[in-house]
Amino acid sequence: MLSQQQPAGGGWLLRLLMAPLMLACLWLGGLLQFIASLPMAEEAGNRHTEGVVVLTGGRDRIETGLKLLQARRADKLLISGVDRNTTPGQLRQASGAAAELFACCVELGREARDTLGNAIEAQLWVRRQGIRSLSLVTASFHMPRSLLLFQRALPQVEIVAHPVLSERQRLGQWWRHPATAGLLAGEFNKYLLVLLQSQLAGLPV
């Protein structure tokens, strides 16, 4: 009888030990799929949108948003998450944009401290401006989570992803660069959390 009970106990212990490994494999598979699906180009060619929202976090993002404005591919620009000590003049000088462009068409949002805050800040701006379509400018790795939050905050607004690719992030060979791998893993975890929150709230994803 003892010899018959030992395999059952051993099997239970093995399953207990295997569970974390299986979860780790599922997480790794999800991470690889997440990275493979990152947007590497703008969704819709040279189309025009009524507004542009730039999420701060890199100089390339602001320059990209201003280029869209200068090329008349949008009418208004919101730079969300600007430090309260940063002046419009400092941003203008850093980007090389004309003072007239900033005066007529650029607004700085200073309240957002995270991506959810960016979405809320953009929601208020869009409603105030009566905007029905916008280009969302942020880093490629940050785009999936940003789109989820923006689509949740602005369900009636058409959102066009405009990812910014930076050579510093080295997405093409991320596995060779620990800093990039850590950045992507952290962003994937944040994306999963937003996805879970949306599903628990019964929101479309």
C-alpha atoms as a PDB file:
ATOM      1  CA  MET A   1       0.000   0.000   0.000  1.00  0.00           C
ATOM      2  CA  LEU A   2       2.826   2.410   0.806  1.00  0.00           C
ATOM      3  CA  SER A   3       4.448   1.861  -2.579  1.00  0.00           C
ATOM      4  CA  GLN A   4       1.155   2.702  -4.310  1.00  0.00           C
ATOM      5  CA  GLN A   5       0.732   5.974  -2.400  1.00  0.00           C
ATOM      6  CA  GLN A   6       4.254   7.295  -3.061  1.00  0.00           C
ATOM      7  CA  PRO A   7       3.809   7.952  -6.805  1.00  0.00           C
ATOM      8  CA  ALA A   8       0.607   9.885  -6.132  1.00  0.00           C
ATOM      9  CA  GLY A   9       2.341  12.074  -3.582  1.00  0.00           C
ATOM     10  CA  GLY A  10       5.345  12.494  -5.837  1.00  0.00           C
ATOM     11  CA  GLY A  11       3.104  13.435  -8.771  1.00  0.00           C
ATOM     12  CA  TRP A  12       1.388  16.136  -6.717  1.00  0.00           C
ATOM     13  CA  LEU A  13       4.741  17.566  -5.685  1.00  0.00           C
ATOM     14  CA  LEU A  14       5.985  17.474  -9.266  1.00  0.00           C
ATOM     15  CA  ARG A  15       2.923  19.355 -10.480  1.00  0.00           C
ATOM     16  CA  LEU A  16       3.440  21.928  -7.745  1.00  0.00           C
ATOM     17  CA  LEU A  17       7.041  22.418  -8.788  1.00  0.00           C
ATOM     18  CA  MET A  18       6.160  22.559 -12.478  1.00  0.00           C
ATOM     19  CA  ALA A  19       3.470  25.239 -12.089  1.00  0.00           C
ATOM     20  CA  PRO A  20       5.909  28.187 -11.760  1.00  0.00           C
ATOM     21  CA  LEU A  21       7.902  26.878 -14.722  1.00  0.00           C
ATOM     22  CA  MET A  22       4.770  26.660 -16.866  1.00  0.00           C
ATOM     23  CA  LEU A  23       3.753  30.191 -15.874  1.00  0.00           C
ATOM     24  CA  ALA A  24       7.240  31.436 -16.718  1.00  0.00           C
ATOM     25  CA  CYS A  25       7.041  29.768 -20.139  1.00  0.00           C
ATOM     26  CA  LEU A  26       3.638  31.341 -20.786  1.00  0.00           C
ATOM     27  CA  TRP A  27       4.956  34.749 -19.743  1.00  0.00           C
ATOM     28  CA  LEU A  28       8.028  34.385 -21.968  1.00  0.00           C
ATOM     29  CA  GLY A  29       5.873  33.333 -24.913  1.00  0.00           C
ATOM     30  CA  GLY A  30       3.644  36.350 -24.343  1.00  0.00           C
ATOM     31  CA  LEU A  31       6.665  38.645 -24.141  1.00  0.00           C
ATOM     32  CA  LEU A  32       8.026  37.357 -27.451  1.00  0.00           C
ATOM     33  CA  GLN A  33       4.650  37.842 -29.109  1.00  0.00           C
ATOM     34  CA  PHE A  34       4.382  41.337 -27.613  1.00  0.00           C
ATOM     35  CA  ILE A  35       7.783  42.331 -28.999  1.00  0.00           C
ATOM     36  CA  ALA A  36       7.041  40.821 -32.418  1.00  0.00           C
ATOM     37  CA  SER A  37       3.807  42.825 -32.634  1.00  0.00           C
ATOM     38  CA  LEU A  38       5.333  46.208 -31.740  1.00  0.00           C
ATOM     39  CA  PRO A  39       4.472  48.793 -34.411  1.00  0.00           C
ATOM     40  CA  MET A  40       7.476  49.712 -36.515  1.00  0.00           C
ATOM     41  CA  ALA A  41       5.778  52.165 -38.867  1.00  0.00           C
ATOM     42  CA  GLU A  42       2.910  54.621 -38.910  1.00  0.00           C
ATOM     43  CA  GLU A  43      -0.501  53.011 -39.364  1.00  0.00           C
ATOM     44  CA  ALA A  44      -1.864  55.217 -42.116  1.00  0.00           C
ATOM     45  CA  GLY A  45       0.589  56.751 -44.556  1.00  0.00           C
ATOM     46  CA  ASN A  46       0.364  60.505 -44.923  1.00  0.00           C
ATOM     47  CA  ARG A  47      -3.196  60.910 -43.737  1.00  0.00           C
ATOM     48  CA  HIS A  48      -4.384  64.021 -41.934  1.00  0.00           C
ATOM     49  CA  THR A  49      -5.771  64.012 -38.400  1.00  0.00           C
ATOM     50  CA  GLU A  50      -7.319  66.913 -36.540  1.00  0.00           C
ATOM     51  CA  GLY A  51      -4.910  66.670 -33.646  1.00  0.00           C
ATOM     52  CA  VAL A  52      -1.639  65.171 -32.471  1.00  0.00           C
ATOM     53  CA  VAL A  53      -0.862  64.059 -28.926  1.00  0.00           C
ATOM     54  CA  VAL A  54       2.785  63.574 -28.006  1.00  0.00           C
ATOM     55  CA  LEU A  55       3.652  61.685 -24.826  1.00  0.00           C
ATOM     56  CA  THR A  56       6.827  63.083 -23.304  1.00  0.00           C
ATOM     57  CA  GLY A  57       9.720  60.805 -22.506  1.00  0.00           C
ATOM     58  CA  GLY A  58      12.087  61.471 -25.370  1.00  0.00           C
ATOM     59  CA  ARG A  59      13.192  64.389 -27.519  1.00  0.00           C
ATOM     60  CA  ASP A  60      12.471  62.401 -30.694  1.00  0.00           C
ATOM     61  CA  ARG A  61       8.779  62.242 -29.799  1.00  0.00           C
ATOM     62  CA  ILE A  62       8.342  66.018 -29.577  1.00  0.00           C
ATOM     63  CA  GLU A  63      10.265  66.567 -32.803  1.00  0.00           C
ATOM     64  CA  THR A  64       8.085  63.982 -34.548  1.00  0.00           C
ATOM     65  CA  GLY A  65       4.883  65.662 -33.377  1.00  0.00           C
ATOM     66  CA  LEU A  66       6.097  69.074 -34.515  1.00  0.00           C
ATOM     67  CA  LYS A  67       7.046  67.685 -37.928  1.00  0.00           C
ATOM     68  CA  LEU A  68       3.497  66.365 -38.354  1.00  0.00           C
ATOM     69  CA  LEU A  69       2.199  69.826 -37.524  1.00  0.00           C
ATOM     70  CA  GLN A  70       4.654  71.584 -39.837  1.00  0.00           C
ATOM     71  CA  ALA A  71       3.731  69.227 -42.681  1.00  0.00           C
ATOM     72  CA  ARG A  72       0.059  70.177 -42.174  1.00  0.00           C
ATOM     73  CA  ARG A  73      -0.839  66.617 -41.315  1.00  0.00           C
ATOM     74  CA  ALA A  74      -2.601  67.897 -38.201  1.00  0.00           C
ATOM     75  CA  ASP A  75      -4.147  71.159 -37.031  1.00  0.00           C
ATOM     76  CA  LYS A  76      -3.291  71.169 -33.325  1.00  0.00           C
ATOM     77  CA  LEU A  77      -0.723  69.566 -31.057  1.00  0.00           C
ATOM     78  CA  LEU A  78      -0.820  68.625 -27.383  1.00  0.00           C
ATOM     79  CA  ILE A  79       2.450  67.746 -25.669  1.00  0.00           C
ATOM     80  CA  SER A  80       1.306  65.801 -22.624  1.00  0.00           C
ATOM     81  CA  GLY A  81       3.275  65.356 -19.425  1.00  0.00           C
ATOM     82  CA  VAL A  82       5.518  68.420 -19.705  1.00  0.00           C
ATOM     83  CA  ASP A  83       7.497  69.301 -16.592  1.00  0.00           C
ATOM     84  CA  ARG A  84       6.018  72.303 -14.812  1.00  0.00           C
ATOM     85  CA  ASN A  85       9.352  74.107 -14.882  1.00  0.00           C
ATOM     86  CA  THR A  86       9.755  73.764 -18.656  1.00  0.00           C
ATOM     87  CA  THR A  87       8.683  76.815 -20.642  1.00  0.00           C
ATOM     88  CA  PRO A  88       7.284  76.876 -24.186  1.00  0.00           C
ATOM     89  CA  GLY A  89      10.358  78.871 -25.193  1.00  0.00           C
ATOM     90  CA  GLN A  90      12.687  76.135 -23.985  1.00  0.00           C
ATOM     91  CA  LEU A  91      10.797  73.486 -25.924  1.00  0.00           C
ATOM     92  CA  ARG A  92      10.688  75.662 -29.014  1.00  0.00           C
ATOM     93  CA  GLN A  93      14.424  76.351 -28.918  1.00  0.00           C
ATOM     94  CA  ALA A  94      15.251  72.684 -28.337  1.00  0.00           C
ATOM     95  CA  SER A  95      13.110  71.607 -31.281  1.00  0.00           C
ATOM     96  CA  GLY A  96      13.959  74.470 -33.619  1.00  0.00           C
ATOM     97  CA  ALA A  97      10.270  75.103 -34.353  1.00  0.00           C
ATOM     98  CA  ALA A  98       8.992  78.550 -35.288  1.00  0.00           C
ATOM     99  CA  ALA A  99       7.555  80.742 -32.546  1.00  0.00           C
ATOM    100  CA  GLU A 100       4.425  81.287 -34.652  1.00  0.00           C
ATOM    101  CA  LEU A 101       3.785  77.542 -34.749  1.00  0.00           C
ATOM    102  CA  PHE A 102       3.908  77.276 -30.968  1.00  0.00           C
ATOM    103  CA  ALA A 103       1.744  80.349 -30.523  1.00  0.00           C
ATOM    104  CA  CYS A 104      -1.058  79.172 -32.788  1.00  0.00           C
ATOM    105  CA  CYS A 105      -1.137  75.432 -32.586  1.00  0.00           C
ATOM    106  CA  VAL A 106       0.803  73.917 -29.667  1.00  0.00           C
ATOM    107  CA  GLU A 107      -0.521  73.378 -26.156  1.00  0.00           C
ATOM    108  CA  LEU A 108       1.460  72.024 -23.223  1.00  0.00           C
ATOM    109  CA  GLY A 109      -0.163  69.624 -20.777  1.00  0.00           C
ATOM    110  CA  ARG A 110       1.495  69.689 -17.370  1.00  0.00           C
ATOM    111  CA  GLU A 111      -0.738  67.523 -15.172  1.00  0.00           C
ATOM    112  CA  ALA A 112       0.036  64.000 -16.421  1.00  0.00           C
ATOM    113  CA  ARG A 113       2.581  61.976 -14.480  1.00  0.00           C
ATOM    114  CA  ASP A 114       2.039  58.589 -16.134  1.00  0.00           C
ATOM    115  CA  THR A 115       0.390  57.071 -19.204  1.00  0.00           C
ATOM    116  CA  LEU A 116      -3.051  56.985 -17.614  1.00  0.00           C
ATOM    117  CA  GLY A 117      -2.598  60.661 -16.781  1.00  0.00           C
ATOM    118  CA  ASN A 118      -1.643  61.293 -20.421  1.00  0.00           C
ATOM    119  CA  ALA A 119      -4.899  59.688 -21.566  1.00  0.00           C
ATOM    120  CA  ILE A 120      -6.981  61.770 -19.142  1.00  0.00           C
ATOM    121  CA  GLU A 121      -5.151  64.955 -20.117  1.00  0.00           C
ATOM    122  CA  ALA A 122      -5.722  64.189 -23.800  1.00  0.00           C
ATOM    123  CA  GLN A 123      -9.391  63.418 -23.134  1.00  0.00           C
ATOM    124  CA  LEU A 124      -9.953  66.900 -21.685  1.00  0.00           C
ATOM    125  CA  TRP A 125      -8.031  68.547 -24.522  1.00  0.00           C
ATOM    126  CA  VAL A 126      -9.894  66.608 -27.228  1.00  0.00           C
ATOM    127  CA  ARG A 127     -13.266  67.551 -25.757  1.00  0.00           C
ATOM    128  CA  ARG A 128     -12.264  71.192 -25.456  1.00  0.00           C
ATOM    129  CA  GLN A 129     -11.003  71.322 -29.042  1.00  0.00           C
ATOM    130  CA  GLY A 130     -13.793  69.208 -30.550  1.00  0.00           C
ATOM    131  CA  ILE A 131     -11.289  66.805 -32.098  1.00  0.00           C
ATOM    132  CA  ARG A 132     -12.548  63.615 -33.750  1.00  0.00           C
ATOM    133  CA  SER A 133      -9.274  62.117 -34.978  1.00  0.00           C
ATOM    134  CA  LEU A 134      -5.749  62.257 -33.630  1.00  0.00           C
ATOM    135  CA  SER A 135      -2.275  60.868 -34.155  1.00  0.00           C
ATOM    136  CA  LEU A 136      -0.705  59.375 -31.042  1.00  0.00           C
ATOM    137  CA  VAL A 137       3.061  59.843 -30.883  1.00  0.00           C
ATOM    138  CA  THR A 138       5.110  57.793 -28.454  1.00  0.00           C
ATOM    139  CA  ALA A 139       7.882  55.195 -28.476  1.00  0.00           C
ATOM    140  CA  SER A 140       7.179  51.954 -30.311  1.00  0.00           C
ATOM    141  CA  PHE A 141       7.491  49.813 -27.172  1.00  0.00           C
ATOM    142  CA  HIS A 142       5.115  52.154 -25.322  1.00  0.00           C
ATOM    143  CA  MET A 143       2.452  52.217 -28.044  1.00  0.00           C
ATOM    144  CA  PRO A 144       0.378  49.074 -27.193  1.00  0.00           C
ATOM    145  CA  ARG A 145      -0.332  50.180 -23.609  1.00  0.00           C
ATOM    146  CA  SER A 146      -0.864  53.789 -24.676  1.00  0.00           C
ATOM    147  CA  LEU A 147      -3.395  52.749 -27.319  1.00  0.00           C
ATOM    148  CA  LEU A 148      -5.335  50.668 -24.788  1.00  0.00           C
ATOM    149  CA  LEU A 149      -5.585  53.577 -22.367  1.00  0.00           C
ATOM    150  CA  PHE A 150      -6.361  56.180 -25.036  1.00  0.00           C
ATOM    151  CA  GLN A 151      -9.029  54.039 -26.697  1.00  0.00           C
ATOM    152  CA  ARG A 152     -10.585  53.523 -23.288  1.00  0.00           C
ATOM    153  CA  ALA A 153     -10.572  57.267 -22.552  1.00  0.00           C
ATOM    154  CA  LEU A 154     -11.599  58.340 -26.084  1.00  0.00           C
ATOM    155  CA  PRO A 155     -13.885  55.639 -27.521  1.00  0.00           C
ATOM    156  CA  GLN A 156     -15.479  58.020 -30.051  1.00  0.00           C
ATOM    157  CA  VAL A 157     -12.175  59.364 -31.402  1.00  0.00           C
ATOM    158  CA  GLU A 158     -10.219  57.757 -34.228  1.00  0.00           C
ATOM    159  CA  ILE A 159      -6.662  57.203 -33.029  1.00  0.00           C
ATOM    160  CA  VAL A 160      -3.794  56.682 -35.465  1.00  0.00           C
ATOM    161  CA  ALA A 161      -0.609  55.197 -33.997  1.00  0.00           C
ATOM    162  CA  HIS A 162       2.576  57.048 -34.918  1.00  0.00           C
ATOM    163  CA  PRO A 163       5.405  55.105 -33.218  1.00  0.00           C
ATOM    164  CA  VAL A 164       8.813  56.675 -32.758  1.00  0.00           C
ATOM    165  CA  LEU A 165      11.765  54.359 -33.274  1.00  0.00           C
ATOM    166  CA  SER A 166      14.985  55.169 -31.467  1.00  0.00           C
ATOM    167  CA  GLU A 167      18.331  53.575 -32.259  1.00  0.00           C
ATOM    168  CA  ARG A 168      19.164  53.818 -28.567  1.00  0.00           C
ATOM    169  CA  GLN A 169      16.478  51.261 -27.751  1.00  0.00           C
ATOM    170  CA  ARG A 170      17.937  48.640 -30.139  1.00  0.00           C
ATOM    171  CA  LEU A 171      14.676  46.791 -30.617  1.00  0.00           C
ATOM    172  CA  GLY A 172      16.045  44.839 -33.566  1.00  0.00           C
ATOM    173  CA  GLN A 173      18.432  42.838 -31.340  1.00  0.00           C
ATOM    174  CA  TRP A 174      16.925  43.463 -27.947  1.00  0.00           C
ATOM    175  CA  TRP A 175      18.093  40.113 -26.516  1.00  0.00           C
ATOM    176  CA  ARG A 176      21.712  41.228 -26.828  1.00  0.00           C
ATOM    177  CA  HIS A 177      21.194  44.333 -24.736  1.00  0.00           C
ATOM    178  CA  PRO A 178      20.165  43.806 -21.081  1.00  0.00           C
ATOM    179  CA  ALA A 179      18.875  47.362 -20.670  1.00  0.00           C
ATOM    180  CA  THR A 180      16.563  47.025 -23.678  1.00  0.00           C
ATOM    181  CA  ALA A 181      15.421  43.558 -22.605  1.00  0.00           C
ATOM    182  CA  GLY A 182      14.599  44.875 -19.135  1.00  0.00           C
ATOM    183  CA  LEU A 183      12.745  47.847 -20.615  1.00  0.00           C
ATOM    184  CA  LEU A 184      10.609  45.594 -22.824  1.00  0.00           C
ATOM    185  CA  ALA A 185       9.892  43.118 -20.024  1.00  0.00           C
ATOM    186  CA  GLY A 186       8.787  45.919 -17.705  1.00  0.00           C
ATOM    187  CA  GLU A 187       6.570  47.447 -20.375  1.00  0.00           C
ATOM    188  CA  PHE A 188       5.027  44.046 -21.143  1.00  0.00           C
ATOM    189  CA  ASN A 189       4.107  43.624 -17.469  1.00  0.00           C
ATOM    190  CA  LYS A 190       2.475  47.081 -17.440  1.00  0.00           C
ATOM    191  CA  TYR A 191       0.596  46.208 -20.631  1.00  0.00           C
ATOM    192  CA  LEU A 192      -0.696  42.980 -19.058  1.00  0.00           C
ATOM    193  CA  LEU A 193      -1.913  44.920 -16.020  1.00  0.00           C
ATOM    194  CA  VAL A 194      -3.860  47.413 -18.165  1.00  0.00           C
ATOM    195  CA  LEU A 195      -5.254  44.548 -20.243  1.00  0.00           C
ATOM    196  CA  LEU A 196      -6.398  42.738 -17.096  1.00  0.00           C
ATOM    197  CA  GLN A 197      -7.985  45.893 -15.680  1.00  0.00           C
ATOM    198  CA  SER A 198      -9.895  46.432 -18.921  1.00  0.00           C
ATOM    199  CA  GLN A 199     -11.165  42.855 -18.990  1.00  0.00           C
ATOM    200  CA  LEU A 200     -12.241  42.941 -15.342  1.00  0.00           C
ATOM    201  CA  ALA A 201     -14.121  46.168 -16.048  1.00  0.00           C
ATOM    202  CA  GLY A 202     -15.817  44.587 -19.059  1.00  0.00           C
ATOM    203  CA  LEU A 203     -14.238  47.065 -21.473  1.00  0.00           C
ATOM    204  CA  PRO A 204     -13.425  46.156 -25.090  1.00  0.00           C
ATOM    205  CA  VAL A 205      -9.737  45.486 -25.787  1.00  0.00           C
END
